[in-house]
Amino acid sequence: MALIVQKYGGTSVGSVERIQHVADKVIAARKQGHDVVVVVSAMSGETNRLVALAKSITDPPNPREYDVLLSTGEQVTISLLSIALISKGYPARSYTGGQVHILTDDVHTKARILDIDDKKMHDDLKEGRVVVVAGFQGVDEKGNITTLGRGGSDTTAVALAAALKADECQIYTDVDGVYTTDPRIVPHARRLNTVSFEEMLEMASLGSKVLQIRSVEFASKYNVPLRVLSSFEDGPGTLIAPEDKTMEKALISGIAFNRDEAKLTILGVPDKPGIAYHILGPIADANIEVDMIVQNVGAENATTDFTFTVHRNDYQKSLDILGKVKTDVGAREVKGDDNITKISIVGVGMRSHAGIASKMFKALAEEGINIQMISTSEIKVSVVVDEKYLELGVRVLHSTFELEKEPIAA
């Protein structure tokens, strides 16, 4: 008998009919002899409704009370799913994050899980019950309700799987697995049977929206096998697990992209020690995350140009900060561009094969796509290009690396 943690997102529990369908999927796992713990999100659209209610009173609302409000969405879902399971003859018990004591830090709206008390859940499982837990939420040491941020139910599920030493954590969503790239851009994109934690971390950080990156980090840290499955159709999904010899032997596993990028350049900066700190320090102080960074080698007049990317939502704020930095450091000019996109190729196969980056650059060049910035790691190459070339670039690279073909098995 295996212990499985299943997580169902908002669209999967978006109506009473869909909740009944989820109950049937849980029952199917029980009939196979498995113990099941279920983590659910709020019904589709409910969190947005609660956000709008709070902000209609004041914006921003008090963080503590905001978390109290947002956590109620999942409470509705856990009770309805438990009612559905019980009505179908399968004992179930629902718990809020606080009731199973998912202990978090005290950072409201984006708390991090510190510890989980698994005793109640193990006791229920021994009694033959399905345990239904509210995702996205916990409590701090003072008993205040906290929430984990958007997509936090994925993290709840993985954390519970780690605490319970589950055999697998199954993430049910509206897609049937992880694809080589977005099928809306490349219709013949292929569903991957397996992906390593490392590859999935890169894909999640580079724009793939299938899983929240914190959940993949948690799974990797505690070695919890993850499987992405469809809530609406049967299939094997995609297994995300430690890299091993049985993994598919592809050079490139997938192509990720991120439309939410903006680029800023400060020109004519004095080329001297500490200049990067003088530029990026004020950006960091404003809680703005910097992604790619390029600094040209100083040549004329002992000056250099410094370019970096940020999330598009932080573009104007970053421009304003650089305007002040320009005066402080004696730079010549500040430029910005919020019509860029980042395209990345990801694959553990890159480690043992040379020439992957040059193949990527050649393919883009042949389509007249200019590369503005480049960033590499052991298993990824990212480029920044003009946003208008996003779909063309993704399609060209998907074809160049023949991602539509099944890789050779080990």
Protein backbone atom coordinates (compact mmCIF):
# COMPACT_ATOMS: atom_id res chain seq x y z
CA MET A 1 0.00 0.00 0.00
CA ALA A 2 1.36 3.40 -0.99
CA LEU A 3 0.75 6.75 0.67
CA ILE A 4 -0.13 9.37 -1.93
CA VAL A 5 -0.62 13.11 -1.52
CA GLN A 6 -2.90 14.56 -4.19
CA LYS A 7 -3.28 18.27 -4.87
CA TYR A 8 -6.15 19.79 -6.85
CA GLY A 9 -6.03 23.39 -8.06
CA GLY A 10 -8.79 25.97 -8.36
CA THR A 11 -10.08 24.93 -11.79
CA SER A 12 -10.20 21.29 -10.63
CA VAL A 13 -12.57 22.24 -7.78
CA GLY A 14 -14.27 25.15 -9.52
CA SER A 15 -17.85 23.83 -9.10
CA VAL A 16 -19.77 21.26 -7.07
CA GLU A 17 -19.74 18.98 -10.11
CA ARG A 18 -15.96 19.19 -10.34
CA ILE A 19 -15.60 18.57 -6.62
CA GLN A 20 -17.70 15.41 -7.07
CA HIS A 21 -15.33 14.43 -9.90
CA VAL A 22 -12.31 14.99 -7.62
CA ALA A 23 -14.00 12.80 -4.99
CA ASP A 24 -14.31 10.04 -7.58
CA LYS A 25 -10.58 10.31 -8.43
CA VAL A 26 -9.69 10.08 -4.74
CA ILE A 27 -11.96 7.06 -4.35
CA ALA A 28 -10.27 5.40 -7.36
CA ALA A 29 -6.91 5.73 -5.56
CA ARG A 30 -8.44 4.29 -2.37
CA LYS A 31 -9.84 1.34 -4.33
CA GLN A 32 -6.30 0.64 -5.53
CA GLY A 33 -5.38 0.23 -1.87
CA HIS A 34 -3.61 3.55 -1.35
CA ASP A 35 -3.81 5.86 1.64
CA VAL A 36 -4.65 9.35 0.40
CA VAL A 37 -4.10 12.85 1.70
CA VAL A 38 -5.70 15.55 -0.45
CA VAL A 39 -4.68 19.21 -0.63
CA VAL A 40 -7.07 21.61 -2.33
CA SER A 41 -7.05 25.22 -3.44
CA ALA A 42 -9.97 27.62 -3.25
CA MET A 43 -12.60 27.28 -5.96
CA SER A 44 -11.58 28.98 -9.19
CA GLY A 45 -12.05 32.76 -8.95
CA GLU A 46 -12.75 32.76 -5.20
CA THR A 47 -9.38 34.14 -4.10
CA ASN A 48 -9.69 36.95 -6.65
CA ARG A 49 -13.16 37.75 -5.28
CA LEU A 50 -11.83 37.93 -1.73
CA VAL A 51 -8.91 40.14 -2.82
CA ALA A 52 -11.33 42.52 -4.52
CA LEU A 53 -13.51 42.69 -1.39
CA ALA A 54 -10.57 43.66 0.80
CA LYS A 55 -9.23 46.22 -1.65
CA SER A 56 -12.65 47.80 -2.05
CA ILE A 57 -12.29 48.88 1.58
CA THR A 58 -8.63 49.93 1.55
CA ASP A 59 -5.53 49.26 -0.53
CA PRO A 60 -3.30 47.83 0.75
CA PRO A 61 -5.34 46.06 3.46
CA ASN A 62 -3.86 45.14 6.84
CA PRO A 63 -1.64 42.07 6.13
CA ARG A 64 -2.78 40.00 9.11
CA GLU A 65 -6.47 40.48 8.40
CA TYR A 66 -5.87 40.02 4.68
CA ASP A 67 -4.49 36.51 5.37
CA VAL A 68 -7.46 35.71 7.63
CA LEU A 69 -9.75 36.63 4.74
CA LEU A 70 -7.87 34.84 1.95
CA SER A 71 -7.56 31.60 3.93
CA THR A 72 -11.35 31.17 3.99
CA GLY A 73 -11.49 30.17 0.31
CA GLU A 74 -9.80 26.83 0.94
CA GLN A 75 -11.99 26.16 4.00
CA VAL A 76 -15.03 26.02 1.73
CA THR A 77 -13.36 23.51 -0.59
CA ILE A 78 -12.05 21.13 2.07
CA SER A 79 -15.48 20.87 3.67
CA LEU A 80 -17.32 20.33 0.36
CA LEU A 81 -14.86 17.64 -0.76
CA SER A 82 -15.10 15.87 2.60
CA ILE A 83 -18.90 16.00 2.43
CA ALA A 84 -18.75 14.52 -1.09
CA LEU A 85 -16.43 11.68 -0.02
CA ILE A 86 -18.53 10.82 3.03
CA SER A 87 -21.72 10.83 0.95
CA LYS A 88 -20.09 8.27 -1.38
CA GLY A 89 -19.27 5.98 1.54
CA TYR A 90 -15.63 6.95 2.14
CA PRO A 91 -14.83 8.43 5.57
CA ALA A 92 -12.95 11.72 5.33
CA ARG A 93 -11.87 14.52 7.64
CA SER A 94 -10.99 18.09 6.66
CA TYR A 95 -8.37 20.31 8.27
CA THR A 96 -7.32 23.90 7.84
CA GLY A 97 -3.60 24.62 7.77
CA GLY A 98 -3.77 25.69 11.39
CA GLN A 99 -5.54 22.52 12.50
CA VAL A 100 -2.76 20.25 11.21
CA HIS A 101 -0.34 22.84 12.51
CA ILE A 102 1.51 23.81 9.35
CA LEU A 103 3.91 26.13 11.17
CA THR A 104 5.21 29.07 9.13
CA ASP A 105 7.23 32.20 9.72
CA ASP A 106 5.30 35.42 10.37
CA VAL A 107 5.64 37.02 6.94
CA HIS A 108 2.02 37.59 5.95
CA THR A 109 0.91 36.92 2.33
CA LYS A 110 4.17 35.09 1.49
CA ALA A 111 4.99 32.94 4.52
CA ARG A 112 7.40 30.01 4.41
CA ILE A 113 6.72 26.62 5.99
CA LEU A 114 8.95 25.77 8.97
CA ASP A 115 7.42 22.56 10.36
CA ILE A 116 4.39 20.28 10.10
CA ASP A 117 2.79 18.18 12.86
CA ASP A 118 1.77 14.97 11.08
CA LYS A 119 0.24 13.11 14.07
CA LYS A 120 -3.43 13.91 13.35
CA MET A 121 -3.04 12.91 9.71
CA HIS A 122 -1.33 9.60 10.54
CA ASP A 123 -4.02 8.82 13.12
CA ASP A 124 -6.77 9.44 10.55
CA LEU A 125 -5.02 7.37 7.90
CA LYS A 126 -4.75 4.46 10.37
CA GLU A 127 -8.52 4.75 10.91
CA GLY A 128 -9.07 4.44 7.14
CA ARG A 129 -10.02 8.07 6.54
CA VAL A 130 -9.11 10.29 3.61
CA VAL A 131 -7.41 13.40 5.00
CA VAL A 132 -8.35 16.66 3.25
CA VAL A 133 -6.11 19.66 3.99
CA ALA A 134 -6.46 23.30 2.99
CA GLY A 135 -3.59 24.41 0.79
CA PHE A 136 -1.94 27.85 0.71
CA GLN A 137 -2.09 28.48 4.47
CA GLY A 138 -0.58 27.88 7.89
CA VAL A 139 -0.10 29.54 11.27
CA ASP A 140 2.86 31.32 12.84
CA GLU A 141 4.20 30.70 16.37
CA LYS A 142 1.64 33.14 17.81
CA GLY A 143 -1.26 31.34 16.15
CA ASN A 144 -1.84 34.00 13.49
CA ILE A 145 -3.16 32.68 10.17
CA THR A 146 -0.65 33.07 7.34
CA THR A 147 -0.79 32.43 3.60
CA LEU A 148 2.00 31.18 1.35
CA GLY A 149 1.48 33.35 -1.72
CA ARG A 150 -0.05 32.56 -5.08
CA GLY A 151 0.39 28.91 -6.03
CA GLY A 152 1.09 28.06 -2.40
CA SER A 153 -1.12 24.98 -2.46
CA ASP A 154 1.55 23.19 -4.53
CA THR A 155 4.05 23.95 -1.77
CA THR A 156 1.60 22.73 0.90
CA ALA A 157 1.17 19.43 -0.93
CA VAL A 158 4.90 18.81 -1.33
CA ALA A 159 5.59 19.81 2.29
CA LEU A 160 2.91 17.38 3.53
CA ALA A 161 4.33 14.63 1.30
CA ALA A 162 7.78 15.26 2.79
CA ALA A 163 6.48 15.28 6.38
CA LEU A 164 4.40 12.13 5.86
CA LYS A 165 7.16 10.39 3.85
CA ALA A 166 4.65 9.83 1.06
CA ASP A 167 5.53 7.60 -1.89
CA GLU A 168 4.43 10.23 -4.40
CA CYS A 169 2.96 13.72 -4.57
CA GLN A 170 0.50 14.08 -7.42
CA ILE A 171 -0.29 17.59 -8.66
CA TYR A 172 -3.58 17.60 -10.57
CA THR A 173 -4.04 20.60 -12.83
CA ASP A 174 -5.66 21.61 -16.13
CA VAL A 175 -2.76 20.25 -18.20
CA ASP A 176 -1.77 16.58 -18.49
CA GLY A 177 1.93 17.03 -17.78
CA VAL A 178 5.04 19.04 -18.52
CA TYR A 179 5.60 19.73 -22.21
CA THR A 180 8.70 20.47 -24.26
CA THR A 181 7.23 23.97 -24.59
CA ASP A 182 3.83 25.70 -24.52
CA PRO A 183 1.54 23.74 -26.91
CA ARG A 184 -0.31 26.98 -27.68
CA ILE A 185 2.83 28.19 -29.46
CA VAL A 186 4.07 24.84 -30.78
CA PRO A 187 1.04 22.57 -31.35
CA HIS A 188 3.25 19.48 -31.77
CA ALA A 189 5.05 20.04 -28.46
CA ARG A 190 5.54 16.71 -26.70
CA ARG A 191 4.56 15.70 -23.19
CA LEU A 192 7.63 14.60 -21.24
CA ASN A 193 7.45 11.29 -19.38
CA THR A 194 10.17 12.30 -16.92
CA VAL A 195 11.97 15.49 -15.95
CA SER A 196 14.72 15.89 -13.37
CA PHE A 197 14.25 18.20 -10.39
CA GLU A 198 17.08 20.33 -11.75
CA GLU A 199 15.44 20.78 -15.14
CA MET A 200 12.04 21.51 -13.60
CA LEU A 201 13.57 24.12 -11.29
CA GLU A 202 15.08 25.87 -14.30
CA MET A 203 11.83 25.66 -16.28
CA ALA A 204 9.79 27.01 -13.36
CA SER A 205 12.23 29.87 -12.75
CA LEU A 206 12.33 30.71 -16.46
CA GLY A 207 8.60 31.15 -16.93
CA SER A 208 6.98 27.70 -17.08
CA LYS A 209 3.75 28.07 -15.08
CA VAL A 210 3.01 24.35 -14.53
CA LEU A 211 4.40 24.28 -10.97
CA GLN A 212 5.26 26.91 -8.40
CA ILE A 213 9.05 27.06 -8.09
CA ARG A 214 8.98 26.82 -4.28
CA SER A 215 7.17 23.49 -4.52
CA VAL A 216 9.85 22.09 -6.83
CA GLU A 217 12.59 23.38 -4.49
CA PHE A 218 10.86 21.63 -1.59
CA ALA A 219 10.47 18.39 -3.54
CA SER A 220 14.12 18.44 -4.56
CA LYS A 221 15.34 19.18 -1.04
CA TYR A 222 13.32 16.35 0.54
CA ASN A 223 13.49 13.98 -2.43
CA VAL A 224 9.71 13.81 -2.94
CA PRO A 225 8.74 12.36 -6.36
CA LEU A 226 6.27 14.72 -8.04
CA ARG A 227 3.83 13.79 -10.78
CA VAL A 228 1.89 16.36 -12.83
CA LEU A 229 -1.48 14.98 -13.97
CA SER A 230 -4.68 16.22 -15.57
CA SER A 231 -7.77 16.58 -13.42
CA PHE A 232 -9.98 16.06 -16.44
CA GLU A 233 -8.49 13.15 -18.37
CA ASP A 234 -6.63 9.97 -17.45
CA GLY A 235 -2.98 9.52 -18.33
CA PRO A 236 0.48 8.92 -16.87
CA GLY A 237 1.39 12.60 -16.62
CA THR A 238 4.99 13.69 -16.08
CA LEU A 239 7.17 12.36 -13.26
CA ILE A 240 9.58 14.88 -11.72
CA ALA A 241 12.26 13.06 -9.77
CA PRO A 242 16.01 12.94 -9.08
CA GLU A 243 18.10 12.50 -12.22
CA ASP A 244 19.10 8.87 -12.74
CA LYS A 245 20.15 6.47 -15.45
CA THR A 246 16.56 5.73 -16.47
CA MET A 247 15.89 9.35 -17.45
CA GLU A 248 15.26 10.06 -21.13
CA LYS A 249 18.55 10.84 -22.87
CA ALA A 250 17.69 14.16 -24.50
CA LEU A 251 20.20 16.96 -25.01
CA ILE A 252 17.43 19.50 -24.44
CA SER A 253 14.30 18.71 -22.43
CA GLY A 254 12.34 21.87 -23.05
CA ILE A 255 12.10 25.50 -24.06
CA ALA A 256 10.86 28.00 -21.50
CA PHE A 257 10.06 31.64 -22.05
CA ASN A 258 9.10 34.65 -19.99
CA ARG A 259 7.19 37.61 -21.40
CA ASP A 260 7.36 39.53 -18.12
CA GLU A 261 10.87 40.92 -18.58
CA ALA A 262 12.19 44.46 -18.93
CA LYS A 263 15.74 45.64 -19.64
CA LEU A 264 17.54 48.65 -18.20
CA THR A 265 20.92 50.07 -19.21
CA ILE A 266 22.99 52.76 -17.54
CA LEU A 267 25.57 54.13 -19.99
CA GLY A 268 28.90 55.81 -19.41
CA VAL A 269 29.41 54.56 -15.86
CA PRO A 270 32.87 55.17 -14.33
CA ASP A 271 34.78 51.87 -14.60
CA LYS A 272 35.98 51.44 -11.03
CA PRO A 273 35.61 48.97 -8.15
CA GLY A 274 32.22 48.95 -6.41
CA ILE A 275 30.26 50.43 -9.31
CA ALA A 276 27.99 47.34 -9.63
CA TYR A 277 27.05 47.71 -5.97
CA HIS A 278 26.32 51.42 -6.40
CA ILE A 279 23.94 50.58 -9.25
CA LEU A 280 22.25 47.43 -7.94
CA GLY A 281 22.28 48.27 -4.22
CA PRO A 282 19.40 50.79 -4.51
CA ILE A 283 17.52 48.32 -6.74
CA ALA A 284 17.84 45.60 -4.08
CA ASP A 285 16.85 48.04 -1.33
CA ALA A 286 13.58 48.57 -3.21
CA ASN A 287 12.94 44.77 -3.09
CA ILE A 288 13.32 44.48 -6.85
CA GLU A 289 14.76 41.17 -8.08
CA VAL A 290 17.39 41.39 -10.80
CA ASP A 291 17.69 38.54 -13.29
CA MET A 292 20.31 38.78 -16.04
CA ILE A 293 23.29 41.15 -15.76
CA VAL A 294 25.79 42.23 -18.41
CA GLN A 295 28.66 44.68 -17.85
CA ASN A 296 30.74 45.69 -20.83
CA VAL A 297 34.50 45.95 -20.45
CA GLY A 298 35.51 49.57 -20.02
CA ALA A 299 37.42 51.03 -22.96
CA GLU A 300 37.07 54.70 -23.82
CA ASN A 301 37.36 57.32 -21.09
CA ALA A 302 37.52 54.59 -18.41
CA THR A 303 33.74 54.11 -18.54
CA THR A 304 31.52 51.08 -18.95
CA ASP A 305 27.88 50.25 -19.74
CA PHE A 306 25.82 48.18 -17.29
CA THR A 307 22.65 46.30 -18.33
CA PHE A 308 20.26 44.17 -16.29
CA THR A 309 16.73 42.78 -16.46
CA VAL A 310 13.86 42.94 -13.96
CA HIS A 311 10.23 41.86 -13.87
CA ARG A 312 8.13 44.09 -16.08
CA ASN A 313 6.03 45.16 -13.09
CA ASP A 314 9.18 46.71 -11.59
CA TYR A 315 10.26 48.47 -14.77
CA GLN A 316 9.09 52.03 -14.05
CA LYS A 317 10.22 51.86 -10.43
CA SER A 318 13.66 50.68 -11.57
CA LEU A 319 13.88 53.48 -14.15
CA ASP A 320 13.12 56.05 -11.47
CA ILE A 321 15.81 54.61 -9.19
CA LEU A 322 18.40 54.58 -11.99
CA GLY A 323 17.61 58.23 -12.71
CA LYS A 324 18.90 59.06 -9.23
CA VAL A 325 21.81 56.61 -9.48
CA LYS A 326 22.90 58.24 -12.75
CA THR A 327 23.46 61.53 -10.95
CA ASP A 328 25.15 59.91 -7.95
CA VAL A 329 27.71 57.93 -9.96
CA GLY A 330 28.17 60.41 -12.80
CA ALA A 331 26.80 58.20 -15.60
CA ARG A 332 25.97 59.57 -19.04
CA GLU A 333 22.50 58.15 -19.76
CA VAL A 334 19.81 55.68 -18.69
CA LYS A 335 17.86 53.62 -21.23
CA GLY A 336 15.04 51.14 -20.79
CA ASP A 337 13.08 48.64 -22.86
CA ASP A 338 9.98 46.79 -21.66
CA ASN A 339 9.29 45.11 -25.02
CA ILE A 340 11.67 42.19 -24.58
CA THR A 341 11.26 38.51 -23.81
CA LYS A 342 13.55 35.78 -22.50
CA ILE A 343 13.79 32.43 -24.29
CA SER A 344 15.67 29.56 -22.65
CA ILE A 345 16.69 26.03 -23.60
CA VAL A 346 16.96 23.61 -20.68
CA GLY A 347 18.45 20.14 -20.43
CA VAL A 348 20.79 18.08 -18.27
CA GLY A 349 22.19 16.64 -21.51
CA MET A 350 24.04 19.92 -22.07
CA ARG A 351 26.59 18.90 -19.45
CA SER A 352 28.19 16.32 -21.70
CA HIS A 353 27.72 17.94 -25.12
CA ALA A 354 29.57 20.94 -26.52
CA GLY A 355 28.13 23.29 -29.13
CA ILE A 356 24.58 23.50 -27.81
CA ALA A 357 24.74 27.29 -27.32
CA SER A 358 26.26 27.92 -30.74
CA LYS A 359 23.56 25.77 -32.34
CA MET A 360 20.94 27.89 -30.58
CA PHE A 361 22.56 31.17 -31.65
CA LYS A 362 22.90 30.00 -35.27
CA ALA A 363 19.23 28.99 -35.46
CA LEU A 364 18.09 32.40 -34.19
CA ALA A 365 20.52 34.26 -36.46
CA GLU A 366 19.20 32.45 -39.54
CA GLU A 367 15.75 33.84 -38.72
CA GLY A 368 17.11 37.38 -38.30
CA ILE A 369 16.49 37.35 -34.54
CA ASN A 370 18.99 39.60 -32.76
CA ILE A 371 20.22 38.45 -29.33
CA GLN A 372 20.45 41.33 -26.86
CA MET A 373 21.70 39.46 -23.77
CA ILE A 374 22.94 35.94 -22.98
CA SER A 375 23.01 34.00 -19.72
CA THR A 376 24.21 30.43 -19.27
CA SER A 377 24.41 27.76 -16.58
CA GLU A 378 25.37 24.11 -16.62
CA ILE A 379 21.96 23.03 -17.91
CA LYS A 380 20.45 26.12 -19.55
CA VAL A 381 21.10 28.91 -22.04
CA SER A 382 18.88 32.01 -21.92
CA VAL A 383 18.72 34.84 -24.42
CA VAL A 384 16.88 38.15 -24.40
CA VAL A 385 15.28 39.12 -27.72
CA ASP A 386 12.70 41.60 -28.95
CA GLU A 387 9.24 40.53 -27.80
CA LYS A 388 7.90 40.38 -31.36
CA TYR A 389 10.22 37.41 -32.02
CA LEU A 390 9.00 35.29 -29.10
CA GLU A 391 6.79 32.80 -30.93
CA LEU A 392 9.09 32.54 -33.95
CA GLY A 393 12.10 31.99 -31.70
CA VAL A 394 10.40 29.26 -29.65
CA ARG A 395 9.17 27.45 -32.78
CA VAL A 396 12.57 27.62 -34.48
CA LEU A 397 14.42 26.28 -31.44
CA HIS A 398 11.85 23.52 -30.87
CA SER A 399 12.43 22.39 -34.45
CA THR A 400 16.21 22.86 -34.35
CA PHE A 401 16.59 20.57 -31.33
CA GLU A 402 13.93 18.15 -32.66
CA LEU A 403 11.97 18.23 -29.43
CA GLU A 404 8.90 16.77 -31.13
CA LYS A 405 10.77 13.43 -31.34
CA GLU A 406 10.93 10.92 -28.52
CA PRO A 407 14.44 10.75 -27.03
CA ILE A 408 16.42 7.53 -27.00
CA ALA A 409 15.83 5.56 -23.78
CA ALA A 410 18.79 4.62 -21.63
